[in-house]
Protein backbone atom coordinates (compact mmCIF):
# COMPACT_ATOMS: atom_id res chain seq x y z
CA MET A 1 -0.01 0.05 0.39
CA LEU A 2 1.29 3.49 -1.13
CA MET A 3 1.43 5.95 2.05
CA ALA A 4 1.66 9.61 1.62
CA HIS A 5 4.95 11.22 2.69
CA PRO A 6 4.96 12.18 6.30
CA ALA A 7 5.37 15.63 5.48
CA VAL A 8 2.12 15.80 4.32
CA LEU A 9 -0.07 14.27 6.58
CA PRO A 10 0.39 17.21 9.67
CA GLY A 11 -1.02 19.57 7.16
CA LEU A 12 -3.82 17.74 6.55
CA VAL A 13 -4.35 16.51 10.33
CA ASP A 14 -3.94 20.10 11.48
CA ARG A 15 -6.62 21.47 8.65
CA TYR A 16 -9.08 18.42 9.45
CA TRP A 17 -9.52 19.88 13.12
CA ALA A 18 -9.58 23.38 12.02
CA LEU A 19 -12.30 22.94 9.80
CA ALA A 20 -13.95 20.47 12.34
CA VAL A 21 -13.64 23.18 14.97
CA LEU A 22 -15.21 26.09 12.73
CA ASP A 23 -18.00 23.51 11.77
CA ALA A 24 -18.85 22.75 15.29
CA ALA A 25 -19.06 26.27 16.28
CA GLU A 26 -20.93 27.53 13.40
CA GLY A 27 -23.21 24.55 12.82
CA GLY A 28 -24.03 23.93 9.52
CA SER A 29 -21.11 26.48 8.35
CA PRO A 30 -20.05 26.61 4.54
CA VAL A 31 -17.03 24.72 5.63
CA GLY A 32 -18.74 21.32 5.09
CA LYS A 33 -17.86 20.71 1.46
CA GLU A 34 -14.02 21.50 2.33
CA ILE A 35 -13.92 19.33 5.42
CA GLU A 36 -15.37 16.18 3.44
CA ASP A 37 -12.51 16.98 0.73
CA VAL A 38 -10.19 17.06 3.70
CA ALA A 39 -11.70 14.03 5.00
CA ARG A 40 -11.14 12.12 1.80
CA ALA A 41 -7.86 13.19 1.59
CA LEU A 42 -6.72 11.83 4.80
CA CYS A 43 -8.56 8.36 3.83
CA VAL A 44 -6.65 8.49 0.54
CA ALA A 45 -3.28 9.33 2.13
CA THR A 46 -3.37 6.80 5.09
CA GLY A 47 -5.26 3.91 2.61
CA THR A 48 -8.80 4.00 4.94
CA THR A 49 -12.23 4.68 4.12
CA ASP A 50 -13.34 6.13 7.48
CA VAL A 51 -12.10 9.81 8.52
CA HIS A 52 -11.88 8.26 12.10
CA ALA A 53 -9.44 5.46 11.18
CA ALA A 54 -7.32 8.05 8.82
CA LEU A 55 -6.45 10.36 11.54
CA ILE A 56 -5.33 7.04 13.46
CA ALA A 57 -3.19 6.09 10.97
CA ALA A 58 -1.97 9.58 10.31
CA ARG A 59 -1.13 9.80 13.91
CA HIS A 60 1.17 6.83 13.96
CA HIS A 61 2.85 8.09 11.20
CA LEU A 62 3.60 11.81 12.09
CA PRO A 63 7.27 12.33 12.96
CA GLY A 64 7.82 11.46 16.77
CA ALA A 65 4.85 8.93 16.90
CA GLY A 66 6.37 5.89 18.93
CA ALA A 67 5.74 2.34 17.74
CA LEU A 68 3.62 1.50 20.65
CA ASP A 69 2.38 4.94 20.60
CA ASP A 70 -1.47 4.65 22.35
CA SER A 71 -2.02 8.15 23.16
CA VAL A 72 -4.73 8.44 20.87
CA LEU A 73 -6.67 5.64 22.84
CA ALA A 74 -6.40 7.96 25.99
CA SER A 75 -9.16 9.31 27.52
């Protein structure tokens, strides 16, 4: 499976979270289409079909992530 270059993932993850905050704050804001596009890009970049799985996969491929980094699972 092809994986996106690690330099691409932080930008996609940051953009997704920024858009998610805007969308949650404004409720039904016009960023809906853009957040879908970024979610789709994350899925393609990580080889997943779900944005939540894509975010987890991206986190494990980001620079500094340990092989056993389970911090994404912490509450």
